[in-house]
Amino acid sequence: MATKNPWTEIPLADYEGHMSQPSVGQAQMLDEVFGQDLQAYAPGSVAVLGCAGGNGFKRLIGSPVKRAVEVDINPLNLKELRNRFGVAIPGLELICGDLLDASVNFAPVQLVHAALVFEYVEPARLLQRIREWLLPDGVLTAVLQIPTKNMAEITPTPFASLSRLGPLMKLVLPAILIRHAGLAGLVEESAEVITPGTGKEFFVGRFRRVGS
């Protein structure tokens, strides 16, 4: 029997509650990064990997985005996402599946947004897939959690279900991501480290697809 992915067992309310805790502070941070992407690139099409309940999606309402692809492994997350934004966001496409599964295919899009995703999949394989999903000259935004000494990888909060992710989570060093991105034909365009004020740091890298 195949082992269940822990992401399929975490209630969306727990995940969103955890991410919004002051001790975590990641919901607002990721919302701002997504908003920066939409403003900087004004894409006509975007794919959000690991979309959960749609943090930051209010920014899509009235934006130039005509096609919004949302991928998540938890079908209940996608059901709630459709309830929240199915009417407000035209061109919403919801895909349930593992990002490394060949059945997950929505090419092409101008922007792929992958925030706190590479910690749970094999980076080299996912980067190869992302290149295939992107249009020529398209952009990937990747957000990574940077290892922080003396701090738990998953901040303890009242939402205990998040602890199930511990065995699955493997932090990825920015240098490793940049190297694998280059091998996949994705050239680093910009990079920064941001801090949500909780003691942890996060890498935000933007990579452009090169070649045909």
N, C-alpha and C. Protein backbone atom coordinates (compact mmCIF):
# COMPACT_ATOMS: atom_id res chain seq x y z
N MET A 1 0.84 -1.19 0.00
CA MET A 1 0.00 0.00 0.00
C MET A 1 0.88 1.25 0.00
N ALA A 2 0.56 2.20 -0.88
CA ALA A 2 1.36 3.42 -0.97
C ALA A 2 1.18 4.27 0.29
N THR A 3 2.26 4.91 0.71
CA THR A 3 2.20 5.78 1.89
C THR A 3 1.51 7.09 1.53
N LYS A 4 0.60 7.53 2.39
CA LYS A 4 -0.10 8.78 2.14
C LYS A 4 0.84 9.96 2.32
N ASN A 5 0.70 10.91 1.42
CA ASN A 5 1.46 12.15 1.58
C ASN A 5 0.88 12.94 2.73
N PRO A 6 1.71 13.38 3.69
CA PRO A 6 1.18 14.12 4.85
C PRO A 6 0.36 15.35 4.47
N TRP A 7 0.68 15.94 3.32
CA TRP A 7 -0.06 17.14 2.91
C TRP A 7 -1.54 16.86 2.69
N THR A 8 -1.89 15.61 2.39
CA THR A 8 -3.29 15.28 2.15
C THR A 8 -4.07 15.11 3.45
N GLU A 9 -3.36 15.12 4.59
CA GLU A 9 -4.00 14.87 5.88
C GLU A 9 -4.04 16.10 6.78
N ILE A 10 -3.52 17.21 6.30
CA ILE A 10 -3.49 18.44 7.12
C ILE A 10 -4.68 19.32 6.74
N PRO A 11 -5.58 19.60 7.67
CA PRO A 11 -6.71 20.47 7.36
C PRO A 11 -6.24 21.85 6.92
N LEU A 12 -6.93 22.40 5.93
CA LEU A 12 -6.56 23.71 5.43
C LEU A 12 -6.61 24.77 6.54
N ALA A 13 -7.59 24.66 7.41
CA ALA A 13 -7.70 25.63 8.51
C ALA A 13 -6.47 25.58 9.41
N ASP A 14 -5.93 24.38 9.62
CA ASP A 14 -4.71 24.26 10.43
C ASP A 14 -3.53 24.91 9.73
N TYR A 15 -3.39 24.63 8.42
CA TYR A 15 -2.26 25.18 7.66
C TYR A 15 -2.32 26.71 7.65
N GLU A 16 -3.49 27.25 7.34
CA GLU A 16 -3.61 28.70 7.26
C GLU A 16 -3.46 29.35 8.63
N GLY A 17 -3.98 28.68 9.66
CA GLY A 17 -3.81 29.19 11.01
C GLY A 17 -2.35 29.21 11.43
N HIS A 18 -1.64 28.15 11.09
CA HIS A 18 -0.21 28.07 11.41
C HIS A 18 0.57 29.17 10.70
N MET A 19 0.35 29.32 9.40
CA MET A 19 1.11 30.29 8.61
C MET A 19 0.85 31.74 9.04
N SER A 20 -0.33 31.97 9.64
CA SER A 20 -0.71 33.33 10.04
C SER A 20 -0.30 33.66 11.47
N GLN A 21 0.20 32.67 12.22
CA GLN A 21 0.62 32.93 13.60
C GLN A 21 1.74 33.97 13.62
N PRO A 22 1.73 34.89 14.59
CA PRO A 22 2.81 35.88 14.70
C PRO A 22 4.20 35.25 14.80
N SER A 23 4.28 34.07 15.41
CA SER A 23 5.58 33.40 15.55
C SER A 23 6.06 32.79 14.24
N VAL A 24 5.16 32.70 13.25
CA VAL A 24 5.50 32.14 11.93
C VAL A 24 5.62 33.26 10.90
N GLY A 25 4.57 34.05 10.76
CA GLY A 25 4.61 35.26 9.94
C GLY A 25 4.84 35.04 8.47
N GLN A 26 4.46 33.88 7.96
CA GLN A 26 4.78 33.58 6.56
C GLN A 26 3.64 33.89 5.60
N ALA A 27 2.40 33.92 6.08
CA ALA A 27 1.28 34.18 5.18
C ALA A 27 1.39 35.56 4.54
N GLN A 28 1.62 36.58 5.36
CA GLN A 28 1.74 37.93 4.82
C GLN A 28 2.97 38.07 3.94
N MET A 29 4.07 37.45 4.35
CA MET A 29 5.31 37.52 3.57
C MET A 29 5.10 36.95 2.16
N LEU A 30 4.47 35.78 2.07
CA LEU A 30 4.28 35.14 0.77
C LEU A 30 3.26 35.89 -0.07
N ASP A 31 2.27 36.48 0.58
CA ASP A 31 1.30 37.31 -0.14
C ASP A 31 2.02 38.47 -0.81
N GLU A 32 2.96 39.09 -0.10
CA GLU A 32 3.69 40.24 -0.65
C GLU A 32 4.59 39.83 -1.81
N VAL A 33 5.24 38.68 -1.69
CA VAL A 33 6.10 38.20 -2.78
C VAL A 33 5.27 37.95 -4.03
N PHE A 34 4.12 37.32 -3.87
CA PHE A 34 3.25 37.06 -5.01
C PHE A 34 2.80 38.37 -5.66
N GLY A 35 2.46 39.35 -4.82
CA GLY A 35 2.06 40.65 -5.35
C GLY A 35 3.18 41.32 -6.12
N GLN A 36 4.41 41.19 -5.64
CA GLN A 36 5.56 41.75 -6.36
C GLN A 36 5.71 41.11 -7.74
N ASP A 37 5.50 39.80 -7.79
CA ASP A 37 5.58 39.10 -9.08
C ASP A 37 4.56 39.65 -10.07
N LEU A 38 3.32 39.76 -9.62
CA LEU A 38 2.25 40.21 -10.50
C LEU A 38 2.50 41.63 -10.99
N GLN A 39 3.06 42.47 -10.12
CA GLN A 39 3.33 43.85 -10.50
C GLN A 39 4.53 43.94 -11.44
N ALA A 40 5.58 43.17 -11.15
CA ALA A 40 6.81 43.27 -11.93
C ALA A 40 6.67 42.67 -13.32
N TYR A 41 5.93 41.55 -13.43
CA TYR A 41 5.90 40.82 -14.70
C TYR A 41 4.57 40.95 -15.45
N ALA A 42 3.52 41.39 -14.76
CA ALA A 42 2.19 41.51 -15.37
C ALA A 42 1.89 40.34 -16.30
N PRO A 43 1.98 39.11 -15.80
CA PRO A 43 1.83 37.95 -16.67
C PRO A 43 0.38 37.76 -17.12
N GLY A 44 0.22 37.22 -18.32
CA GLY A 44 -1.11 36.86 -18.78
C GLY A 44 -1.52 35.50 -18.27
N SER A 45 -0.54 34.70 -17.86
CA SER A 45 -0.81 33.36 -17.35
C SER A 45 0.16 33.06 -16.22
N VAL A 46 -0.36 32.39 -15.20
CA VAL A 46 0.45 32.08 -14.03
C VAL A 46 0.06 30.72 -13.48
N ALA A 47 1.03 30.00 -12.93
CA ALA A 47 0.78 28.75 -12.23
C ALA A 47 1.34 28.85 -10.83
N VAL A 48 0.53 28.50 -9.84
CA VAL A 48 0.96 28.52 -8.45
C VAL A 48 1.05 27.08 -7.98
N LEU A 49 2.24 26.66 -7.58
CA LEU A 49 2.48 25.28 -7.15
C LEU A 49 2.30 25.20 -5.64
N GLY A 50 1.53 24.22 -5.18
CA GLY A 50 1.24 24.12 -3.76
C GLY A 50 0.38 25.28 -3.31
N CYS A 51 -0.75 25.48 -3.96
CA CYS A 51 -1.54 26.70 -3.78
C CYS A 51 -2.34 26.74 -2.49
N ALA A 52 -2.56 25.59 -1.84
CA ALA A 52 -3.36 25.52 -0.61
C ALA A 52 -4.70 26.22 -0.81
N GLY A 53 -5.03 27.18 0.05
CA GLY A 53 -6.33 27.84 -0.06
C GLY A 53 -6.32 29.13 -0.84
N GLY A 54 -5.15 29.47 -1.42
CA GLY A 54 -5.10 30.66 -2.27
C GLY A 54 -4.61 31.91 -1.57
N ASN A 55 -3.60 31.78 -0.71
CA ASN A 55 -3.02 32.96 -0.09
C ASN A 55 -2.51 33.92 -1.16
N GLY A 56 -2.93 35.17 -1.10
CA GLY A 56 -2.49 36.16 -2.08
C GLY A 56 -3.34 36.24 -3.33
N PHE A 57 -4.34 35.36 -3.46
CA PHE A 57 -5.09 35.29 -4.71
C PHE A 57 -6.03 36.48 -4.92
N LYS A 58 -6.30 37.25 -3.88
CA LYS A 58 -7.12 38.44 -4.07
C LYS A 58 -6.44 39.39 -5.05
N ARG A 59 -5.12 39.27 -5.15
CA ARG A 59 -4.37 40.13 -6.07
C ARG A 59 -4.63 39.77 -7.52
N LEU A 60 -5.15 38.57 -7.77
CA LEU A 60 -5.45 38.17 -9.15
C LEU A 60 -6.74 38.80 -9.65
N ILE A 61 -7.61 39.19 -8.72
CA ILE A 61 -8.89 39.76 -9.12
C ILE A 61 -8.66 41.10 -9.81
N GLY A 62 -9.09 41.21 -11.05
CA GLY A 62 -8.91 42.43 -11.82
C GLY A 62 -7.52 42.62 -12.39
N SER A 63 -6.65 41.61 -12.26
CA SER A 63 -5.28 41.70 -12.79
C SER A 63 -5.26 41.32 -14.26
N PRO A 64 -4.11 41.51 -14.94
CA PRO A 64 -4.02 41.11 -16.36
C PRO A 64 -4.02 39.59 -16.58
N VAL A 65 -3.98 38.82 -15.50
CA VAL A 65 -3.91 37.36 -15.63
C VAL A 65 -5.21 36.84 -16.22
N LYS A 66 -5.09 36.14 -17.35
CA LYS A 66 -6.25 35.55 -18.02
C LYS A 66 -6.35 34.05 -17.76
N ARG A 67 -5.24 33.45 -17.34
CA ARG A 67 -5.23 32.01 -17.06
C ARG A 67 -4.45 31.80 -15.76
N ALA A 68 -5.12 31.24 -14.76
CA ALA A 68 -4.49 31.01 -13.46
C ALA A 68 -4.60 29.53 -13.13
N VAL A 69 -3.46 28.84 -13.17
CA VAL A 69 -3.40 27.41 -12.88
C VAL A 69 -2.96 27.22 -11.44
N GLU A 70 -3.71 26.42 -10.69
CA GLU A 70 -3.40 26.20 -9.29
C GLU A 70 -3.24 24.70 -9.07
N VAL A 71 -2.10 24.31 -8.54
CA VAL A 71 -1.79 22.89 -8.35
C VAL A 71 -1.62 22.59 -6.87
N ASP A 72 -2.29 21.55 -6.39
CA ASP A 72 -2.13 21.14 -5.00
C ASP A 72 -2.41 19.65 -4.91
N ILE A 73 -1.78 18.99 -3.96
CA ILE A 73 -1.95 17.55 -3.81
C ILE A 73 -3.17 17.19 -2.96
N ASN A 74 -3.72 18.18 -2.28
CA ASN A 74 -4.87 17.96 -1.40
C ASN A 74 -6.16 18.42 -2.09
N PRO A 75 -7.05 17.51 -2.44
CA PRO A 75 -8.27 17.90 -3.17
C PRO A 75 -9.19 18.81 -2.36
N LEU A 76 -9.16 18.69 -1.04
CA LEU A 76 -10.01 19.55 -0.21
C LEU A 76 -9.53 21.00 -0.26
N ASN A 77 -8.22 21.20 -0.38
CA ASN A 77 -7.71 22.56 -0.55
C ASN A 77 -8.25 23.19 -1.83
N LEU A 78 -8.25 22.40 -2.89
CA LEU A 78 -8.72 22.92 -4.18
C LEU A 78 -10.21 23.19 -4.16
N LYS A 79 -10.95 22.35 -3.45
CA LYS A 79 -12.40 22.56 -3.34
C LYS A 79 -12.69 23.89 -2.66
N GLU A 80 -11.96 24.17 -1.56
CA GLU A 80 -12.15 25.44 -0.87
C GLU A 80 -11.67 26.61 -1.72
N LEU A 81 -10.59 26.41 -2.45
CA LEU A 81 -10.09 27.46 -3.33
C LEU A 81 -11.14 27.84 -4.38
N ARG A 82 -11.79 26.83 -4.94
CA ARG A 82 -12.84 27.12 -5.92
C ARG A 82 -14.01 27.86 -5.26
N ASN A 83 -14.37 27.47 -4.04
CA ASN A 83 -15.44 28.18 -3.34
C ASN A 83 -15.09 29.64 -3.13
N ARG A 84 -13.82 29.90 -2.85
CA ARG A 84 -13.39 31.27 -2.56
C ARG A 84 -13.25 32.13 -3.80
N PHE A 85 -12.70 31.55 -4.87
CA PHE A 85 -12.27 32.38 -6.00
C PHE A 85 -12.81 31.93 -7.36
N GLY A 86 -13.60 30.87 -7.39
CA GLY A 86 -14.06 30.34 -8.68
C GLY A 86 -14.82 31.34 -9.52
N VAL A 87 -15.56 32.22 -8.88
CA VAL A 87 -16.33 33.23 -9.61
C VAL A 87 -15.50 34.49 -9.85
N ALA A 88 -14.73 34.88 -8.85
CA ALA A 88 -14.01 36.17 -8.90
C ALA A 88 -12.83 36.16 -9.86
N ILE A 89 -12.23 34.96 -10.07
CA ILE A 89 -11.04 34.89 -10.93
C ILE A 89 -11.37 34.10 -12.19
N PRO A 90 -11.55 34.78 -13.32
CA PRO A 90 -11.80 34.09 -14.59
C PRO A 90 -10.57 33.27 -14.99
N GLY A 91 -10.79 32.17 -15.66
CA GLY A 91 -9.68 31.38 -16.16
C GLY A 91 -8.98 30.56 -15.10
N LEU A 92 -9.66 30.30 -13.99
CA LEU A 92 -9.08 29.50 -12.90
C LEU A 92 -9.07 28.03 -13.30
N GLU A 93 -7.89 27.41 -13.24
CA GLU A 93 -7.74 25.98 -13.54
C GLU A 93 -7.14 25.28 -12.33
N LEU A 94 -7.85 24.31 -11.79
CA LEU A 94 -7.40 23.61 -10.60
C LEU A 94 -6.93 22.20 -10.96
N ILE A 95 -5.72 21.86 -10.54
CA ILE A 95 -5.14 20.55 -10.83
C ILE A 95 -4.73 19.90 -9.53
N CYS A 96 -5.24 18.69 -9.27
CA CYS A 96 -4.89 17.95 -8.07
C CYS A 96 -3.88 16.87 -8.44
N GLY A 97 -2.72 16.88 -7.81
CA GLY A 97 -1.73 15.86 -8.11
C GLY A 97 -0.36 16.19 -7.56
N ASP A 98 0.52 15.22 -7.66
CA ASP A 98 1.91 15.36 -7.28
C ASP A 98 2.65 16.11 -8.38
N LEU A 99 3.44 17.10 -8.00
CA LEU A 99 4.12 17.93 -8.99
C LEU A 99 5.08 17.15 -9.86
N LEU A 100 5.57 16.01 -9.39
CA LEU A 100 6.50 15.21 -10.18
C LEU A 100 5.80 14.14 -11.00
N ASP A 101 4.49 14.07 -10.89
CA ASP A 101 3.72 13.09 -11.66
C ASP A 101 3.52 13.60 -13.08
N ALA A 102 3.76 12.74 -14.05
CA ALA A 102 3.65 13.14 -15.46
C ALA A 102 2.25 13.61 -15.83
N SER A 103 1.24 13.18 -15.07
CA SER A 103 -0.14 13.59 -15.37
C SER A 103 -0.39 15.07 -15.07
N VAL A 104 0.48 15.67 -14.27
CA VAL A 104 0.35 17.10 -13.96
C VAL A 104 1.06 17.89 -15.06
N ASN A 105 0.28 18.42 -15.97
CA ASN A 105 0.85 19.14 -17.11
C ASN A 105 -0.11 20.24 -17.55
N PHE A 106 0.35 21.46 -17.50
CA PHE A 106 -0.50 22.60 -17.83
C PHE A 106 0.22 23.58 -18.75
N ALA A 107 1.33 23.19 -19.34
CA ALA A 107 2.14 24.09 -20.17
C ALA A 107 1.26 24.68 -21.29
N PRO A 108 1.58 25.95 -21.68
CA PRO A 108 2.63 26.81 -21.15
C PRO A 108 2.05 27.98 -20.35
N VAL A 109 2.87 28.52 -19.42
CA VAL A 109 2.49 29.72 -18.68
C VAL A 109 3.67 30.67 -18.65
N GLN A 110 3.38 31.93 -18.37
CA GLN A 110 4.44 32.95 -18.34
C GLN A 110 5.16 33.01 -17.00
N LEU A 111 4.45 32.65 -15.92
CA LEU A 111 5.03 32.75 -14.59
C LEU A 111 4.67 31.51 -13.77
N VAL A 112 5.68 30.92 -13.14
CA VAL A 112 5.45 29.85 -12.18
C VAL A 112 5.89 30.35 -10.81
N HIS A 113 4.99 30.22 -9.86
CA HIS A 113 5.26 30.68 -8.49
C HIS A 113 5.34 29.46 -7.59
N ALA A 114 6.51 29.23 -7.00
CA ALA A 114 6.73 28.04 -6.16
C ALA A 114 7.30 28.48 -4.82
N ALA A 115 6.42 28.73 -3.87
CA ALA A 115 6.82 29.22 -2.56
C ALA A 115 6.76 28.10 -1.53
N LEU A 116 7.92 27.81 -0.92
CA LEU A 116 8.02 26.75 0.10
C LEU A 116 7.53 25.41 -0.44
N VAL A 117 7.97 25.11 -1.64
CA VAL A 117 7.60 23.86 -2.32
C VAL A 117 8.80 22.94 -2.46
N PHE A 118 9.96 23.52 -2.76
CA PHE A 118 11.15 22.70 -3.03
C PHE A 118 11.61 21.92 -1.81
N GLU A 119 11.15 22.31 -0.62
CA GLU A 119 11.49 21.60 0.59
C GLU A 119 10.85 20.21 0.65
N TYR A 120 9.88 19.97 -0.23
CA TYR A 120 9.09 18.73 -0.15
C TYR A 120 9.18 17.86 -1.41
N VAL A 121 9.97 18.26 -2.36
CA VAL A 121 10.13 17.48 -3.59
C VAL A 121 11.61 17.47 -3.97
N GLU A 122 11.96 16.66 -4.94
CA GLU A 122 13.34 16.62 -5.42
C GLU A 122 13.57 17.84 -6.31
N PRO A 123 14.39 18.80 -5.87
CA PRO A 123 14.52 20.06 -6.61
C PRO A 123 14.92 19.91 -8.07
N ALA A 124 15.90 19.07 -8.35
CA ALA A 124 16.38 18.95 -9.74
C ALA A 124 15.27 18.49 -10.66
N ARG A 125 14.48 17.52 -10.23
CA ARG A 125 13.40 17.01 -11.07
C ARG A 125 12.31 18.05 -11.26
N LEU A 126 11.96 18.76 -10.18
CA LEU A 126 10.91 19.76 -10.31
C LEU A 126 11.34 20.92 -11.20
N LEU A 127 12.58 21.32 -11.10
CA LEU A 127 13.07 22.41 -11.96
C LEU A 127 13.02 22.04 -13.43
N GLN A 128 13.33 20.80 -13.75
CA GLN A 128 13.21 20.34 -15.14
C GLN A 128 11.75 20.43 -15.60
N ARG A 129 10.83 20.05 -14.74
CA ARG A 129 9.41 20.12 -15.09
C ARG A 129 8.97 21.57 -15.27
N ILE A 130 9.43 22.44 -14.37
CA ILE A 130 9.04 23.84 -14.46
C ILE A 130 9.50 24.46 -15.77
N ARG A 131 10.71 24.11 -16.20
CA ARG A 131 11.17 24.64 -17.48
C ARG A 131 10.22 24.24 -18.61
N GLU A 132 9.72 23.01 -18.56
CA GLU A 132 8.80 22.54 -19.59
C GLU A 132 7.46 23.28 -19.52
N TRP A 133 7.07 23.69 -18.33
CA TRP A 133 5.80 24.39 -18.17
C TRP A 133 5.87 25.85 -18.59
N LEU A 134 7.07 26.42 -18.55
CA LEU A 134 7.21 27.85 -18.85
C LEU A 134 7.29 28.12 -20.34
N LEU A 135 6.71 29.24 -20.73
CA LEU A 135 6.91 29.75 -22.08
C LEU A 135 8.37 30.20 -22.23
N PRO A 136 8.90 30.26 -23.46
CA PRO A 136 10.22 30.86 -23.64
C PRO A 136 10.25 32.26 -23.03
N ASP A 137 11.28 32.56 -22.27
CA ASP A 137 11.44 33.83 -21.57
C ASP A 137 10.53 33.94 -20.36
N GLY A 138 9.85 32.84 -19.99
CA GLY A 138 9.01 32.85 -18.81
C GLY A 138 9.84 32.86 -17.53
N VAL A 139 9.19 33.11 -16.40
CA VAL A 139 9.90 33.33 -15.13
C VAL A 139 9.38 32.38 -14.05
N LEU A 140 10.31 31.84 -13.29
CA LEU A 140 10.01 31.10 -12.07
C LEU A 140 10.38 31.95 -10.87
N THR A 141 9.49 32.05 -9.91
CA THR A 141 9.83 32.61 -8.61
C THR A 141 9.84 31.46 -7.60
N ALA A 142 10.95 31.31 -6.90
CA ALA A 142 11.10 30.26 -5.89
C ALA A 142 11.37 30.89 -4.54
N VAL A 143 10.65 30.44 -3.53
CA VAL A 143 10.89 30.89 -2.16
C VAL A 143 11.34 29.69 -1.35
N LEU A 144 12.50 29.83 -0.70
CA LEU A 144 13.06 28.77 0.13
C LEU A 144 13.20 29.24 1.57
N GLN A 145 12.99 28.34 2.50
CA GLN A 145 13.34 28.61 3.89
C GLN A 145 14.81 28.30 4.10
N ILE A 146 15.55 29.27 4.60
CA ILE A 146 16.98 29.10 4.84
C ILE A 146 17.19 28.46 6.23
N PRO A 147 18.05 27.45 6.32
CA PRO A 147 18.30 26.83 7.63
C PRO A 147 18.75 27.88 8.64
N THR A 148 18.16 27.83 9.84
CA THR A 148 18.48 28.78 10.90
C THR A 148 18.92 28.02 12.14
N LYS A 149 20.12 28.34 12.62
CA LYS A 149 20.67 27.64 13.78
C LYS A 149 19.80 27.84 15.01
N ASN A 150 19.61 26.76 15.75
CA ASN A 150 18.87 26.78 17.02
C ASN A 150 17.39 27.12 16.86
N MET A 151 16.85 26.95 15.65
CA MET A 151 15.42 27.16 15.43
C MET A 151 14.84 25.94 14.73
N ALA A 152 13.66 25.52 15.17
CA ALA A 152 13.00 24.37 14.55
C ALA A 152 12.64 24.68 13.11
N GLU A 153 12.78 23.70 12.24
CA GLU A 153 12.43 23.91 10.84
C GLU A 153 10.94 24.25 10.70
N ILE A 154 10.10 23.58 11.49
CA ILE A 154 8.68 23.90 11.54
C ILE A 154 8.39 24.51 12.90
N THR A 155 8.06 25.78 12.92
CA THR A 155 7.83 26.49 14.17
C THR A 155 6.66 25.87 14.94
N PRO A 156 6.85 25.54 16.21
CA PRO A 156 5.74 25.00 16.99
C PRO A 156 4.61 26.02 17.13
N THR A 157 3.38 25.59 16.89
CA THR A 157 2.19 26.42 17.06
C THR A 157 1.09 25.52 17.62
N PRO A 158 -0.07 26.09 17.96
CA PRO A 158 -1.16 25.23 18.44
C PRO A 158 -1.67 24.24 17.39
N PHE A 159 -1.26 24.41 16.14
CA PHE A 159 -1.76 23.54 15.07
C PHE A 159 -0.82 22.35 14.92
N ALA A 160 -1.06 21.34 15.75
CA ALA A 160 -0.14 20.22 15.88
C ALA A 160 -0.06 19.37 14.62
N SER A 161 -1.07 19.42 13.76
CA SER A 161 -1.05 18.58 12.56
C SER A 161 0.13 18.90 11.65
N LEU A 162 0.66 20.13 11.74
CA LEU A 162 1.79 20.51 10.88
C LEU A 162 3.04 19.71 11.20
N SER A 163 3.11 19.13 12.40
CA SER A 163 4.28 18.35 12.77
C SER A 163 4.44 17.11 11.89
N ARG A 164 3.36 16.70 11.22
CA ARG A 164 3.44 15.53 10.33
C ARG A 164 4.37 15.78 9.15
N LEU A 165 4.63 17.04 8.87
CA LEU A 165 5.49 17.36 7.72
C LEU A 165 6.97 17.18 8.03
N GLY A 166 7.31 17.05 9.30
CA GLY A 166 8.71 16.97 9.70
C GLY A 166 9.53 15.95 8.94
N PRO A 167 9.08 14.69 8.83
CA PRO A 167 9.88 13.68 8.12
C PRO A 167 10.01 13.95 6.62
N LEU A 168 9.07 14.72 6.08
CA LEU A 168 9.07 14.99 4.63
C LEU A 168 9.91 16.21 4.26
N MET A 169 10.02 17.15 5.20
CA MET A 169 10.65 18.44 4.90
C MET A 169 12.17 18.34 4.89
N LYS A 170 12.77 18.82 3.80
CA LYS A 170 14.23 18.87 3.68
C LYS A 170 14.60 20.24 3.12
N LEU A 171 15.20 21.07 3.96
CA LEU A 171 15.55 22.41 3.51
C LEU A 171 16.59 22.35 2.40
N VAL A 172 16.46 23.27 1.45
CA VAL A 172 17.32 23.32 0.27
C VAL A 172 18.15 24.59 0.33
N LEU A 173 19.45 24.47 0.25
CA LEU A 173 20.31 25.66 0.25
C LEU A 173 20.12 26.42 -1.07
N PRO A 174 20.07 27.76 -1.01
CA PRO A 174 19.91 28.54 -2.23
C PRO A 174 20.93 28.20 -3.31
N ALA A 175 22.18 27.96 -2.93
CA ALA A 175 23.22 27.65 -3.92
C ALA A 175 22.90 26.37 -4.68
N ILE A 176 22.31 25.41 -3.98
CA ILE A 176 21.93 24.15 -4.63
C ILE A 176 20.81 24.40 -5.63
N LEU A 177 19.82 25.19 -5.23
CA LEU A 177 18.71 25.49 -6.14
C LEU A 177 19.21 26.23 -7.37
N ILE A 178 20.07 27.21 -7.16
CA ILE A 178 20.59 28.00 -8.28
C ILE A 178 21.36 27.10 -9.25
N ARG A 179 22.14 26.18 -8.70
CA ARG A 179 22.92 25.28 -9.58
C ARG A 179 21.99 24.38 -10.40
N HIS A 180 21.01 23.79 -9.75
CA HIS A 180 20.09 22.90 -10.48
C HIS A 180 19.23 23.68 -11.47
N ALA A 181 18.88 24.91 -11.11
CA ALA A 181 18.11 25.74 -12.04
C ALA A 181 18.91 26.01 -13.30
N GLY A 182 20.19 26.34 -13.15
CA GLY A 182 21.04 26.57 -14.31
C GLY A 182 21.14 25.36 -15.20
N LEU A 183 21.25 24.18 -14.59
CA LEU A 183 21.33 22.94 -15.36
C LEU A 183 20.02 22.68 -16.11
N ALA A 184 18.92 23.20 -15.58
CA ALA A 184 17.62 23.01 -16.23
C ALA A 184 17.32 24.08 -17.27
N GLY A 185 18.23 25.03 -17.45
CA GLY A 185 18.00 26.09 -18.42
C GLY A 185 17.22 27.27 -17.86
N LEU A 186 17.33 27.46 -16.53
CA LEU A 186 16.67 28.58 -15.87
C LEU A 186 17.76 29.46 -15.25
N VAL A 187 17.90 30.66 -15.76
CA VAL A 187 18.99 31.54 -15.38
C VAL A 187 18.53 32.50 -14.28
N GLU A 188 19.34 32.60 -13.24
CA GLU A 188 19.00 33.49 -12.13
C GLU A 188 18.92 34.94 -12.60
N GLU A 189 17.80 35.56 -12.30
CA GLU A 189 17.59 36.96 -12.68
C GLU A 189 17.75 37.89 -11.49
N SER A 190 17.29 37.45 -10.33
CA SER A 190 17.45 38.25 -9.12
C SER A 190 17.37 37.33 -7.91
N ALA A 191 17.91 37.80 -6.80
CA ALA A 191 17.88 37.02 -5.57
C ALA A 191 17.92 37.98 -4.38
N GLU A 192 17.18 37.63 -3.34
CA GLU A 192 17.20 38.42 -2.12
C GLU A 192 16.87 37.51 -0.95
N VAL A 193 17.23 37.96 0.24
CA VAL A 193 16.88 37.27 1.48
C VAL A 193 15.94 38.18 2.24
N ILE A 194 14.80 37.62 2.67
CA ILE A 194 13.83 38.41 3.40
C ILE A 194 13.59 37.78 4.77
N THR A 195 13.20 38.60 5.72
CA THR A 195 12.96 38.14 7.09
C THR A 195 11.59 38.63 7.54
N PRO A 196 10.70 37.73 7.94
CA PRO A 196 9.38 38.17 8.41
C PRO A 196 9.38 38.61 9.87
N GLY A 197 10.56 38.73 10.49
CA GLY A 197 10.64 39.20 11.87
C GLY A 197 10.47 38.12 12.91
N THR A 198 10.67 36.87 12.52
CA THR A 198 10.51 35.75 13.46
C THR A 198 11.83 35.08 13.78
N GLY A 199 12.92 35.60 13.21
CA GLY A 199 14.22 34.98 13.40
C GLY A 199 14.65 34.09 12.26
N LYS A 200 13.70 33.72 11.42
CA LYS A 200 14.02 32.89 10.25
C LYS A 200 14.25 33.78 9.03
N GLU A 201 15.01 33.23 8.07
CA GLU A 201 15.27 33.94 6.82
C GLU A 201 14.77 33.10 5.65
N PHE A 202 14.40 33.81 4.57
CA PHE A 202 13.87 33.15 3.39
C PHE A 202 14.53 33.71 2.14
N PHE A 203 14.88 32.83 1.24
CA PHE A 203 15.49 33.20 -0.04
C PHE A 203 14.40 33.31 -1.08
N VAL A 204 14.41 34.42 -1.82
CA VAL A 204 13.50 34.59 -2.95
C VAL A 204 14.35 34.74 -4.20
N GLY A 205 14.25 33.76 -5.08
CA GLY A 205 15.01 33.79 -6.33
C GLY A 205 14.08 33.80 -7.53
N ARG A 206 14.44 34.57 -8.52
CA ARG A 206 13.64 34.62 -9.75
C ARG A 206 14.55 34.18 -10.90
N PHE A 207 14.04 33.27 -11.70
CA PHE A 207 14.81 32.62 -12.75
C PHE A 207 14.06 32.69 -14.07
N ARG A 208 14.78 33.00 -15.13
CA ARG A 208 14.15 33.12 -16.44
C ARG A 208 14.53 31.95 -17.34
N ARG A 209 13.54 31.43 -18.03
CA ARG A 209 13.81 30.33 -18.96
C ARG A 209 14.56 30.88 -20.17
N VAL A 210 15.63 30.20 -20.54
CA VAL A 210 16.41 30.59 -21.71
C VAL A 210 16.33 29.48 -22.75
N GLY A 211 16.52 29.84 -23.99
CA GLY A 211 16.48 28.85 -25.06
C GLY A 211 15.05 28.55 -25.49
N SER A 212 14.94 27.84 -26.59
CA SER A 212 13.61 27.53 -27.14
C SER A 212 12.99 26.36 -26.44
